Amino acid sequence: MASFNYHGSNNAYYNNDNNNYGYDRREDAPLPALPQHQPSESGFEYPAYYEQQKYPDTEYHRDSPSPLDGRRPLDETDDVPMRPYNYKHSSQSSTAPVITPVYDDPFVRDADPRQRRKWGRDRGSATGGKKKGWFSGRITWVCYTLSLIQLCVFIAEMVKNAILTKSPIEIHPQFNPMIGPSPYVLINMGARYVPCMHNMANIQNRTTTISWPCPNATSTTGDSVSCTLSDLCGFSGVPNPHPGGSINDSPAPDQWFRFIVPIFLHAGIVHIGFNLLLQLTLGRDMELSIGAVRFFFVYFASGIFGFVLGGNFAATGIASTGCSGSLFGILALTLLELLYTWRERPSPVKDLLFILVDVIISFVLGLLPGLDNFSHIGGFAMGLVLGVCVLRSPNALRRRTGEDEPPYSSVAGVTGGTPDAANQGIQNFIRQPIGFFKGRRGMWWVWWIVRALALLGALVGFILLLKNFYVWNTTCSWCKYLSCLPVNNWCSTGNLQFTSTSGSSSNKRDLLTATHEVFGQAVSRAL
């Protein structure tokens, strides 16, 4: 673009005969020369809602949208650099990404809903409002890494099932409707299975020997039911119960890692398919919004807490697997985020209905026989509590307290703007921990006390459930109805109950029957 000469000594534009364009030459006195522009030391301060950027030596474009639209008009005292203004980031004009307007920005909040929807379509990413695909934009390392590990583990499940039973999916003694391995292979690979984790009544203190199903079981008779508990549990085995033992036998089964490993196990193609679909859509959006560290923390805390809650109150024979508890925790974060930004959302009611329908359907399906609904409930509850701690304050509260939090910072430190802007809050706290709290209003302190209490409550609840699982073994009579419907004896399905006190054949039959009943399928699903 050619550059106009505003500062000619004789105002050549008005005195040039070639610029008449069909009109008579002007005879009146020329306008005084424009003052030479001298950049100010401070420069022009753009509104706080936009990141100031340095552009190449280009002139101001009249057709470019101005950052001052709807703001105070300029006057002769304003020192405005002749720079273009672009909403989108250009690698040719700047090395710093543009900060997408956030929902709690008054300028964005008062804008047209359609324009607001365009700006906020991809939460937490500096994309200029463009919708992102699974493999575009900033890489969500946690979601992709977890999904890859879970997919590889599932392939290993199929391979092991094929080696042990001559088929990659369970066909005998019954077909696995999830299209996956048998429950015994899953138990042997680390599914949450209570008999492998601590002493149990009617097992450690039984007066007769119990023959357990083998990992390669394909029938209910013969060698398929001639294994010990140690053979079934795997991982170097566990102390086997013996006739005449005590509930307090020591050492006891202690495979505590079965609260963590099941997050990576799935019961079949249908199971992992739905979980990965939710993880790579809803989970990826949430990781973009809150950053990898917060997402990782909530994901595993929700999944582990769900399995701990299920270990205390679910049926004792359920072999629970899947990342459903983790995904319910992420779903809880999505619900909280919606409530926090309700007034700034273009269609909050529709978003709320979508989330509620997903939650209700998942909880209702968890009431079917053999499913561990406690994993869903525990993951969702932990997600809500941790969401209060890790999400930024609700927009209404931020406006009331005058809080000006920086954007979320990712592991790379570039979420939502420049690295300095993204890490400002953390760096300020590290450098000046006392100054970080100066000037805070009373409501800000109240909210942070609520956050601290929420985190403390989650920690105390987790410790109490572990204590109950390993020591107290306290149950409640009505808790089972959170995971079953009192019809057709559904609430008795999944419990290891032995009706015979003599003879081993009855023991085998009752144990296998319970195991197959709970694996109808005995998994925790995210549907």
Protein backbone atom coordinates (compact mmCIF):
# COMPACT_ATOMS: atom_id res chain seq x y z
CA MET A 1 0.00 0.00 0.00
CA ALA A 2 1.42 3.35 -1.09
CA SER A 3 2.08 5.89 1.59
CA PHE A 4 0.50 9.33 1.43
CA ASN A 5 2.71 12.33 1.99
CA TYR A 6 0.84 14.27 4.65
CA HIS A 7 3.72 16.53 5.47
CA GLY A 8 4.74 18.13 2.18
CA SER A 9 6.29 21.56 2.60
CA ASN A 10 3.84 23.22 0.19
CA ASN A 11 0.88 20.88 0.66
CA ALA A 12 1.43 19.39 -2.76
CA TYR A 13 -1.91 17.62 -2.72
CA TYR A 14 -3.82 20.89 -2.97
CA ASN A 15 -1.36 22.60 -5.33
CA ASN A 16 -0.91 19.77 -7.81
CA ASP A 17 -2.64 20.47 -11.12
CA ASN A 18 -3.02 16.75 -11.77
CA ASN A 19 -5.39 16.31 -8.83
CA ASN A 20 -8.37 18.25 -10.24
CA TYR A 21 -10.27 15.20 -11.44
CA GLY A 22 -12.57 17.39 -13.54
CA TYR A 23 -13.10 20.04 -10.91
CA ASP A 24 -11.77 23.58 -10.89
CA ARG A 25 -8.57 24.16 -9.08
CA ARG A 26 -9.05 25.31 -5.53
CA GLU A 27 -8.25 28.96 -4.99
CA ASP A 28 -8.75 29.16 -1.23
CA ALA A 29 -5.90 29.03 1.20
CA PRO A 30 -4.49 25.56 1.79
CA LEU A 31 -5.06 23.81 5.09
CA PRO A 32 -2.21 24.00 7.56
CA ALA A 33 0.24 21.15 7.47
CA LEU A 34 -0.57 18.20 9.72
CA PRO A 35 1.72 17.90 12.73
CA GLN A 36 4.46 15.36 12.48
CA HIS A 37 3.47 12.26 14.49
CA GLN A 38 5.76 11.50 17.34
CA PRO A 39 5.17 8.16 19.10
CA SER A 40 4.29 8.58 22.75
CA GLU A 41 6.30 6.96 25.44
CA SER A 42 3.22 5.26 26.80
CA GLY A 43 1.57 4.73 23.42
CA PHE A 44 -2.12 4.22 22.99
CA GLU A 45 -3.62 2.03 25.67
CA TYR A 46 -6.07 -0.35 24.15
CA PRO A 47 -8.99 -1.44 26.33
CA ALA A 48 -8.18 -4.17 28.84
CA TYR A 49 -10.24 -6.63 26.84
CA TYR A 50 -7.72 -6.86 24.02
CA GLU A 51 -4.06 -7.75 23.99
CA GLN A 52 -1.95 -4.88 22.67
CA GLN A 53 0.11 -6.04 19.73
CA LYS A 54 2.91 -4.54 17.66
CA TYR A 55 2.23 -4.52 13.93
CA PRO A 56 4.58 -3.78 11.01
CA ASP A 57 4.89 -0.28 9.62
CA THR A 58 1.46 -0.09 8.01
CA GLU A 59 -1.01 2.73 8.02
CA TYR A 60 -4.39 2.79 9.68
CA HIS A 61 -7.07 1.13 7.56
CA ARG A 62 -10.36 2.95 7.55
CA ASP A 63 -12.25 -0.25 6.85
CA SER A 64 -10.69 -2.10 9.81
CA PRO A 65 -12.88 -2.51 12.88
CA SER A 66 -11.82 -0.12 15.56
CA PRO A 67 -11.25 -1.25 19.14
CA LEU A 68 -13.02 1.92 20.21
CA ASP A 69 -16.39 1.07 18.61
CA GLY A 70 -18.99 1.97 21.20
CA ARG A 71 -16.39 3.61 23.44
CA ARG A 72 -15.38 7.22 24.18
CA PRO A 73 -14.82 9.20 20.96
CA LEU A 74 -11.33 10.41 20.18
CA ASP A 75 -10.34 14.01 20.59
CA GLU A 76 -7.31 16.11 19.69
CA THR A 77 -5.52 15.12 22.89
CA ASP A 78 -5.40 11.41 22.01
CA ASP A 79 -2.10 10.17 20.69
CA VAL A 80 -3.16 7.27 18.46
CA PRO A 81 -0.50 5.26 16.61
CA MET A 82 -1.38 4.65 12.96
CA ARG A 83 -1.77 0.89 13.29
CA PRO A 84 -4.29 -1.52 11.88
CA TYR A 85 -6.54 -3.48 14.22
CA ASN A 86 -7.33 -7.10 13.52
CA TYR A 87 -9.32 -9.53 15.60
CA LYS A 88 -7.47 -12.55 14.29
CA HIS A 89 -3.87 -13.41 14.86
CA SER A 90 -1.54 -13.24 11.88
CA SER A 91 1.89 -14.76 11.99
CA GLN A 92 3.06 -11.97 9.68
CA SER A 93 1.95 -9.20 11.98
CA SER A 94 2.59 -10.49 15.47
CA THR A 95 4.25 -13.27 17.37
CA ALA A 96 1.79 -13.09 20.25
CA PRO A 97 -1.65 -14.72 20.02
CA VAL A 98 -4.77 -12.64 20.33
CA ILE A 99 -6.79 -13.07 23.51
CA THR A 100 -10.31 -14.12 22.69
CA PRO A 101 -12.82 -11.95 24.61
CA VAL A 102 -14.04 -13.78 27.70
CA TYR A 103 -17.63 -14.07 28.83
CA ASP A 104 -17.21 -11.82 31.85
CA ASP A 105 -15.93 -8.92 29.70
CA PRO A 106 -18.58 -6.15 29.87
CA PHE A 107 -17.95 -5.30 26.23
CA VAL A 108 -18.61 -8.91 25.21
CA ARG A 109 -21.50 -9.33 27.63
CA ASP A 110 -23.35 -6.36 26.15
CA ALA A 111 -22.67 -7.35 22.55
CA ASP A 112 -25.11 -8.96 20.17
CA PRO A 113 -25.74 -12.63 21.15
CA ARG A 114 -24.74 -13.85 17.71
CA GLN A 115 -21.40 -12.07 17.89
CA ARG A 116 -20.92 -13.31 21.47
CA ARG A 117 -21.55 -16.86 20.32
CA LYS A 118 -18.91 -16.45 17.63
CA TRP A 119 -16.33 -15.19 20.12
CA GLY A 120 -16.98 -17.88 22.73
CA ARG A 121 -17.60 -20.94 20.61
CA ASP A 122 -14.39 -22.65 21.61
CA ARG A 123 -14.02 -22.09 25.35
CA GLY A 124 -10.58 -21.35 26.66
CA SER A 125 -8.71 -21.33 23.34
CA ALA A 126 -7.28 -18.38 21.47
CA THR A 127 -8.83 -19.31 18.12
CA GLY A 128 -10.73 -16.17 17.23
CA GLY A 129 -14.07 -17.96 17.64
CA LYS A 130 -13.58 -20.72 15.08
CA LYS A 131 -14.91 -24.15 15.88
CA LYS A 132 -12.13 -26.62 16.49
CA GLY A 133 -11.86 -30.24 15.46
CA TRP A 134 -10.38 -33.16 17.38
CA PHE A 135 -6.92 -32.75 15.90
CA SER A 136 -6.70 -28.99 15.32
CA GLY A 137 -5.63 -26.11 17.50
CA ARG A 138 -3.71 -26.52 20.73
CA ILE A 139 -2.91 -30.15 21.49
CA THR A 140 -4.71 -31.56 24.53
CA TRP A 141 -1.95 -33.88 25.66
CA VAL A 142 -3.75 -35.38 28.64
CA CYS A 143 -6.86 -36.41 26.69
CA TYR A 144 -4.92 -37.82 23.78
CA THR A 145 -2.37 -39.64 25.94
CA LEU A 146 -5.01 -41.20 28.19
CA SER A 147 -7.09 -42.25 25.19
CA LEU A 148 -4.07 -43.84 23.51
CA ILE A 149 -3.11 -45.74 26.68
CA GLN A 150 -6.68 -46.98 27.19
CA LEU A 151 -6.89 -48.10 23.59
CA CYS A 152 -3.58 -49.99 23.85
CA VAL A 153 -4.65 -51.62 27.12
CA PHE A 154 -7.92 -52.75 25.53
CA ILE A 155 -6.02 -54.33 22.65
CA ALA A 156 -3.88 -56.13 25.24
CA GLU A 157 -7.08 -57.38 26.91
CA MET A 158 -8.30 -58.84 23.63
CA VAL A 159 -4.94 -60.46 22.94
CA LYS A 160 -4.77 -62.01 26.41
CA ASN A 161 -8.34 -63.28 26.13
CA ALA A 162 -7.48 -64.83 22.76
CA ILE A 163 -4.41 -66.55 24.23
CA LEU A 164 -6.28 -67.93 27.26
CA THR A 165 -9.65 -68.80 25.71
CA LYS A 166 -8.82 -69.08 21.97
CA SER A 167 -11.13 -66.15 21.21
CA PRO A 168 -10.52 -62.38 21.50
CA ILE A 169 -14.01 -61.90 22.97
CA GLU A 170 -15.90 -63.99 25.49
CA ILE A 171 -18.14 -66.57 23.84
CA HIS A 172 -18.27 -69.27 26.53
CA PRO A 173 -19.75 -69.91 29.03
CA GLN A 174 -21.77 -66.92 27.80
CA PHE A 175 -21.44 -64.17 25.22
CA ASN A 176 -20.14 -60.80 26.36
CA PRO A 177 -22.68 -58.21 25.10
CA MET A 178 -20.02 -55.50 25.33
CA ILE A 179 -18.02 -57.45 22.71
CA GLY A 180 -14.94 -57.87 24.85
CA PRO A 181 -12.97 -60.21 27.13
CA SER A 182 -14.36 -62.34 29.93
CA PRO A 183 -14.75 -60.98 33.47
CA TYR A 184 -12.06 -63.36 34.72
CA VAL A 185 -9.49 -61.90 32.33
CA LEU A 186 -10.46 -58.40 33.49
CA ILE A 187 -10.11 -59.41 37.14
CA ASN A 188 -6.73 -60.95 36.37
CA MET A 189 -5.64 -57.68 34.67
CA GLY A 190 -6.65 -55.36 37.52
CA ALA A 191 -10.40 -54.70 37.57
CA ARG A 192 -11.74 -53.53 40.91
CA TYR A 193 -12.68 -56.80 42.57
CA VAL A 194 -13.14 -56.63 46.34
CA PRO A 195 -11.99 -60.20 47.24
CA CYS A 196 -8.54 -59.30 45.84
CA MET A 197 -8.29 -56.16 47.96
CA HIS A 198 -9.17 -57.02 51.58
CA ASN A 199 -10.62 -59.67 53.87
CA MET A 200 -14.30 -60.45 53.39
CA ALA A 201 -16.94 -62.24 55.41
CA ASN A 202 -17.87 -65.70 54.06
CA ILE A 203 -14.50 -65.93 52.33
CA GLN A 204 -11.65 -65.65 54.85
CA ASN A 205 -13.73 -67.20 57.65
CA ARG A 206 -15.33 -69.94 55.57
CA THR A 207 -15.24 -73.49 56.93
CA THR A 208 -14.85 -75.10 53.49
CA THR A 209 -12.51 -74.57 50.55
CA ILE A 210 -13.66 -72.30 47.74
CA SER A 211 -12.68 -73.11 44.18
CA TRP A 212 -12.46 -69.94 42.13
CA PRO A 213 -12.92 -69.50 38.36
CA CYS A 214 -9.69 -69.47 36.39
CA PRO A 215 -8.75 -66.59 34.08
CA ASN A 216 -9.10 -68.98 31.12
CA ALA A 217 -12.52 -70.27 32.22
CA THR A 218 -14.83 -71.19 29.35
CA SER A 219 -17.27 -73.41 31.26
CA THR A 220 -18.73 -73.92 34.73
CA THR A 221 -17.18 -77.32 35.30
CA GLY A 222 -13.83 -79.09 35.28
CA ASP A 223 -10.56 -77.21 35.17
CA SER A 224 -12.30 -73.88 34.59
CA VAL A 225 -13.25 -73.74 38.28
CA SER A 226 -10.18 -75.24 39.90
CA CYS A 227 -8.14 -72.11 40.62
CA THR A 228 -7.35 -70.33 43.83
CA LEU A 229 -8.14 -66.70 44.65
CA SER A 230 -4.47 -65.94 44.10
CA ASP A 231 -4.63 -67.40 40.58
CA LEU A 232 -7.67 -65.30 39.74
CA CYS A 233 -6.29 -62.04 41.13
CA GLY A 234 -2.87 -62.32 39.49
CA PHE A 235 -0.15 -59.66 40.01
CA SER A 236 2.02 -62.05 42.06
CA GLY A 237 -1.09 -63.32 43.83
CA VAL A 238 -2.73 -62.72 47.21
CA PRO A 239 -2.91 -64.77 50.43
CA ASN A 240 -5.42 -67.55 49.82
CA PRO A 241 -8.25 -68.02 52.33
CA HIS A 242 -8.22 -71.34 54.14
CA PRO A 243 -10.98 -73.28 55.92
CA GLY A 244 -11.48 -72.24 59.51
CA GLY A 245 -9.82 -68.89 59.04
CA SER A 246 -10.84 -65.57 60.50
CA ILE A 247 -12.09 -62.31 59.06
CA ASN A 248 -9.02 -60.74 60.63
CA ASP A 249 -6.56 -63.11 58.96
CA SER A 250 -3.18 -61.59 58.25
CA PRO A 251 -1.74 -61.01 55.78
CA ALA A 252 -4.87 -60.03 53.90
CA PRO A 253 -5.36 -59.43 50.19
CA ASP A 254 -3.97 -55.95 49.58
CA GLN A 255 -4.11 -55.09 45.88
CA TRP A 256 -4.92 -51.43 46.52
CA PHE A 257 -3.95 -50.43 42.98
CA ARG A 258 -7.31 -51.80 41.83
CA PHE A 259 -8.71 -48.37 42.66
CA ILE A 260 -6.51 -46.88 39.90
CA VAL A 261 -5.82 -49.52 37.24
CA PRO A 262 -9.52 -50.01 36.27
CA ILE A 263 -9.54 -46.47 34.82
CA PHE A 264 -7.55 -47.90 31.90
CA LEU A 265 -9.55 -51.15 31.53
CA HIS A 266 -12.77 -51.57 29.53
CA ALA A 267 -15.18 -54.45 29.18
CA GLY A 268 -15.66 -54.35 25.42
CA ILE A 269 -15.73 -52.41 22.18
CA VAL A 270 -19.08 -50.81 23.03
CA HIS A 271 -17.81 -49.77 26.45
CA ILE A 272 -14.56 -48.16 25.31
CA GLY A 273 -16.19 -46.68 22.21
CA PHE A 274 -18.68 -44.59 24.15
CA ASN A 275 -16.12 -43.61 26.77
CA LEU A 276 -13.56 -42.43 24.22
CA LEU A 277 -16.22 -40.55 22.29
CA LEU A 278 -17.13 -38.58 25.40
CA GLN A 279 -13.50 -38.16 26.42
CA LEU A 280 -12.38 -36.78 23.05
CA THR A 281 -15.24 -34.30 22.84
CA LEU A 282 -16.39 -33.11 26.25
CA GLY A 283 -13.08 -34.00 27.90
CA ARG A 284 -11.01 -32.24 25.27
CA ASP A 285 -13.09 -29.07 25.51
CA MET A 286 -12.67 -29.04 29.28
CA GLU A 287 -8.89 -29.55 29.05
CA LEU A 288 -8.73 -26.59 26.65
CA SER A 289 -10.72 -24.54 29.13
CA ILE A 290 -8.91 -25.29 32.40
CA GLY A 291 -5.50 -26.51 31.28
CA ALA A 292 -3.78 -29.89 31.40
CA VAL A 293 -2.73 -29.85 35.07
CA ARG A 294 -6.20 -29.11 36.46
CA PHE A 295 -7.81 -31.54 34.03
CA PHE A 296 -5.39 -34.33 35.00
CA PHE A 297 -6.03 -33.73 38.69
CA VAL A 298 -9.83 -33.77 38.42
CA TYR A 299 -9.85 -36.72 36.01
CA PHE A 300 -7.93 -39.09 38.27
CA ALA A 301 -9.38 -37.82 41.54
CA SER A 302 -12.92 -38.40 40.24
CA GLY A 303 -12.11 -41.84 38.83
CA ILE A 304 -10.36 -43.06 41.98
CA PHE A 305 -13.02 -41.68 44.31
CA GLY A 306 -15.73 -43.38 42.23
CA PHE A 307 -14.03 -46.76 42.58
CA VAL A 308 -13.47 -46.23 46.31
CA LEU A 309 -17.14 -45.40 46.82
CA GLY A 310 -18.16 -48.44 44.78
CA GLY A 311 -15.78 -50.64 46.75
CA ASN A 312 -17.62 -49.67 49.93
CA PHE A 313 -21.22 -49.96 48.79
CA ALA A 314 -21.47 -51.78 45.43
CA ALA A 315 -22.17 -55.51 45.15
CA THR A 316 -19.14 -57.49 46.27
CA GLY A 317 -18.95 -59.63 43.13
CA ILE A 318 -18.84 -56.80 40.60
CA ALA A 319 -15.66 -56.57 38.52
CA SER A 320 -15.80 -52.85 37.84
CA THR A 321 -13.80 -51.25 35.03
CA GLY A 322 -13.80 -48.10 32.91
CA CYS A 323 -13.10 -44.39 33.09
CA SER A 324 -16.77 -43.56 33.65
CA GLY A 325 -16.16 -42.05 37.10
CA SER A 326 -13.49 -39.79 35.65
CA LEU A 327 -15.77 -38.65 32.84
CA PHE A 328 -18.58 -37.96 35.29
CA GLY A 329 -16.18 -35.71 37.15
CA ILE A 330 -15.49 -33.82 33.91
CA LEU A 331 -19.22 -33.65 33.25
CA ALA A 332 -19.64 -32.05 36.68
CA LEU A 333 -17.06 -29.42 35.73
CA THR A 334 -19.03 -28.67 32.58
CA LEU A 335 -22.18 -28.16 34.62
CA LEU A 336 -20.40 -25.83 37.04
CA GLU A 337 -18.88 -23.83 34.21
CA LEU A 338 -22.33 -23.38 32.70
CA LEU A 339 -23.75 -22.12 35.99
CA TYR A 340 -20.77 -19.81 36.51
CA THR A 341 -21.26 -18.15 33.10
CA TRP A 342 -25.05 -18.40 32.87
CA ARG A 343 -25.76 -14.75 32.05
CA GLU A 344 -23.08 -14.62 29.38
CA ARG A 345 -24.20 -17.75 27.53
CA PRO A 346 -26.18 -17.27 24.30
CA SER A 347 -28.45 -20.28 25.07
CA PRO A 348 -27.85 -21.48 28.65
CA VAL A 349 -31.16 -23.36 28.97
CA LYS A 350 -30.36 -25.53 25.98
CA ASP A 351 -26.88 -26.26 27.32
CA LEU A 352 -28.32 -27.14 30.74
CA LEU A 353 -30.89 -29.50 29.25
CA PHE A 354 -28.19 -31.25 27.25
CA ILE A 355 -26.07 -31.85 30.35
CA LEU A 356 -29.03 -32.94 32.50
CA VAL A 357 -30.25 -35.41 29.88
CA ASP A 358 -26.77 -36.94 29.69
CA VAL A 359 -26.49 -37.21 33.48
CA ILE A 360 -29.99 -38.63 33.97
CA ILE A 361 -29.60 -41.26 31.25
CA SER A 362 -26.25 -42.35 32.66
CA PHE A 363 -27.56 -42.64 36.22
CA VAL A 364 -30.69 -44.52 35.12
CA LEU A 365 -28.64 -47.03 33.12
CA GLY A 366 -26.47 -47.46 36.21
CA LEU A 367 -29.51 -48.88 38.00
CA LEU A 368 -29.52 -51.94 35.75
CA PRO A 369 -28.37 -55.24 37.30
CA GLY A 370 -24.63 -55.75 37.54
CA LEU A 371 -23.62 -52.13 36.88
CA ASP A 372 -21.64 -50.07 39.38
CA ASN A 373 -23.60 -46.82 39.62
CA PHE A 374 -21.54 -45.80 42.65
CA SER A 375 -18.61 -45.11 40.34
CA HIS A 376 -20.80 -42.64 38.45
CA ILE A 377 -22.09 -41.02 41.64
CA GLY A 378 -18.67 -40.81 43.27
CA GLY A 379 -17.02 -39.36 40.17
CA PHE A 380 -19.74 -36.76 39.71
CA ALA A 381 -19.66 -35.73 43.38
CA MET A 382 -15.87 -35.40 43.38
CA GLY A 383 -16.02 -33.40 40.16
CA LEU A 384 -18.46 -30.92 41.70
CA VAL A 385 -16.36 -30.45 44.83
CA LEU A 386 -13.08 -30.09 42.96
CA GLY A 387 -14.74 -27.83 40.40
CA VAL A 388 -15.34 -25.29 43.14
CA CYS A 389 -11.61 -25.44 43.87
CA VAL A 390 -10.05 -25.45 40.38
CA LEU A 391 -12.49 -23.41 38.27
CA ARG A 392 -12.21 -19.67 38.44
CA SER A 393 -14.83 -17.80 40.42
CA PRO A 394 -18.36 -17.37 39.02
CA ASN A 395 -18.60 -14.34 36.76
CA ALA A 396 -21.24 -12.69 38.94
CA LEU A 397 -19.01 -13.06 41.98
CA ARG A 398 -15.97 -11.77 40.10
CA ARG A 399 -17.81 -8.64 39.10
CA ARG A 400 -19.01 -8.13 42.66
CA THR A 401 -15.59 -8.56 44.22
CA GLY A 402 -13.68 -6.73 41.51
CA GLU A 403 -11.56 -9.81 41.01
CA ASP A 404 -9.32 -9.71 37.97
CA GLU A 405 -7.97 -13.21 37.67
CA PRO A 406 -5.60 -14.06 34.83
CA PRO A 407 -6.64 -16.66 32.27
CA TYR A 408 -6.02 -20.31 33.04
CA SER A 409 -2.43 -21.34 32.46
CA SER A 410 -1.62 -24.53 30.67
CA VAL A 411 1.49 -26.64 31.10
CA ALA A 412 3.10 -24.65 28.27
CA GLY A 413 1.93 -21.42 29.84
CA VAL A 414 0.28 -19.95 26.74
CA THR A 415 -3.42 -20.52 27.30
CA GLY A 416 -5.58 -17.53 26.57
CA GLY A 417 -2.78 -15.13 25.64
CA THR A 418 0.89 -14.44 26.08
CA PRO A 419 2.92 -16.49 28.56
CA ASP A 420 3.30 -13.47 30.83
CA ALA A 421 -0.45 -12.90 30.92
CA ALA A 422 -1.25 -16.58 31.44
CA ASN A 423 1.15 -17.07 34.33
CA GLN A 424 0.74 -13.67 35.93
CA GLY A 425 -1.32 -14.86 38.89
CA ILE A 426 0.96 -17.80 39.71
CA GLN A 427 4.14 -15.78 39.30
CA ASN A 428 2.83 -12.93 41.44
CA PHE A 429 1.88 -15.36 44.19
CA ILE A 430 5.31 -17.04 44.13
CA ARG A 431 7.22 -13.77 44.11
CA GLN A 432 5.03 -11.86 46.55
CA PRO A 433 2.77 -14.25 48.44
CA ILE A 434 1.72 -11.56 50.91
CA GLY A 435 1.09 -8.92 48.28
CA PHE A 436 -1.15 -11.33 46.38
CA PHE A 437 -3.74 -11.03 49.17
CA LYS A 438 -3.53 -7.28 49.70
CA GLY A 439 -6.55 -5.21 48.78
CA ARG A 440 -8.91 -8.18 48.50
CA ARG A 441 -12.54 -7.58 49.36
CA GLY A 442 -14.45 -9.48 52.01
CA MET A 443 -16.48 -11.50 49.51
CA TRP A 444 -13.25 -12.66 47.89
CA TRP A 445 -12.06 -14.05 51.23
CA VAL A 446 -15.41 -15.75 51.84
CA TRP A 447 -15.28 -17.48 48.47
CA TRP A 448 -11.73 -18.70 49.01
CA ILE A 449 -12.69 -20.04 52.42
CA VAL A 450 -15.48 -21.99 50.69
CA ARG A 451 -12.92 -23.34 48.24
CA ALA A 452 -10.57 -24.40 51.03
CA LEU A 453 -13.40 -26.13 52.91
CA ALA A 454 -14.48 -27.94 49.74
CA LEU A 455 -10.96 -29.27 49.20
CA LEU A 456 -10.69 -30.26 52.85
CA GLY A 457 -14.07 -32.01 52.71
CA ALA A 458 -13.03 -34.01 49.64
CA LEU A 459 -9.84 -35.12 51.36
CA VAL A 460 -11.64 -36.08 54.60
CA GLY A 461 -14.33 -37.99 52.69
CA PHE A 462 -11.71 -39.92 50.74
CA ILE A 463 -9.83 -40.87 53.92
CA LEU A 464 -13.00 -41.97 55.73
CA LEU A 465 -14.09 -44.18 52.82
CA LEU A 466 -10.68 -45.85 52.70
CA LYS A 467 -10.82 -46.41 56.46
CA ASN A 468 -14.27 -47.94 56.13
CA PHE A 469 -13.17 -50.16 53.26
CA TYR A 470 -10.17 -51.63 55.05
CA VAL A 471 -11.15 -51.47 58.74
CA TRP A 472 -14.71 -50.65 59.66
CA ASN A 473 -16.56 -52.46 56.82
CA THR A 474 -19.72 -50.51 57.61
CA THR A 475 -22.59 -50.80 55.16
CA CYS A 476 -26.05 -49.27 54.94
CA SER A 477 -29.27 -51.03 54.08
CA TRP A 478 -30.57 -48.40 51.67
CA CYS A 479 -27.35 -47.54 49.80
CA LYS A 480 -27.82 -50.41 47.37
CA TYR A 481 -30.88 -48.68 45.91
CA LEU A 482 -28.58 -46.03 44.47
CA SER A 483 -27.26 -48.70 42.12
CA CYS A 484 -30.28 -50.92 41.51
CA LEU A 485 -34.06 -51.00 41.23
CA PRO A 486 -35.99 -53.18 43.69
CA VAL A 487 -37.57 -55.30 40.96
CA ASN A 488 -37.02 -58.96 40.04
CA ASN A 489 -34.46 -59.34 42.81
CA TRP A 490 -32.05 -57.00 40.99
CA CYS A 491 -30.56 -55.65 44.19
CA SER A 492 -29.33 -59.10 45.19
CA THR A 493 -27.53 -59.61 41.90
CA GLY A 494 -23.79 -59.33 42.11
CA ASN A 495 -23.22 -60.25 45.74
CA LEU A 496 -21.00 -63.24 46.53
CA GLN A 497 -23.33 -65.46 48.53
CA PHE A 498 -22.67 -69.13 49.30
CA THR A 499 -25.73 -71.14 50.22
CA SER A 500 -23.94 -74.38 50.98
CA THR A 501 -21.74 -75.04 54.03
CA SER A 502 -20.45 -78.42 52.90
CA GLY A 503 -19.07 -79.82 49.71
CA SER A 504 -17.11 -78.01 47.08
CA SER A 505 -19.40 -78.49 44.07
CA SER A 506 -22.07 -76.21 45.49
CA ASN A 507 -19.45 -73.61 46.28
CA LYS A 508 -18.23 -73.62 42.70
CA ARG A 509 -21.72 -73.37 41.28
CA ASP A 510 -22.80 -70.50 43.51
CA LEU A 511 -19.61 -68.51 42.86
CA LEU A 512 -19.80 -68.89 39.09
CA THR A 513 -23.49 -68.02 39.08
CA ALA A 514 -22.83 -64.83 41.03
CA THR A 515 -19.91 -63.91 38.80
CA HIS A 516 -21.90 -64.32 35.60
CA GLU A 517 -24.92 -62.53 37.01
CA VAL A 518 -22.89 -59.46 37.85
CA PHE A 519 -21.13 -59.54 34.52
CA GLY A 520 -24.26 -58.84 32.65
CA GLN A 521 -22.03 -56.77 32.16
CA ALA A 522 -20.39 -56.08 35.54
CA VAL A 523 -18.80 -52.88 34.41
CA SER A 524 -19.19 -49.18 34.95
CA ARG A 525 -20.26 -47.47 31.73
CA ALA A 526 -20.46 -43.84 30.72
CA LEU A 527 -23.93 -44.07 29.17
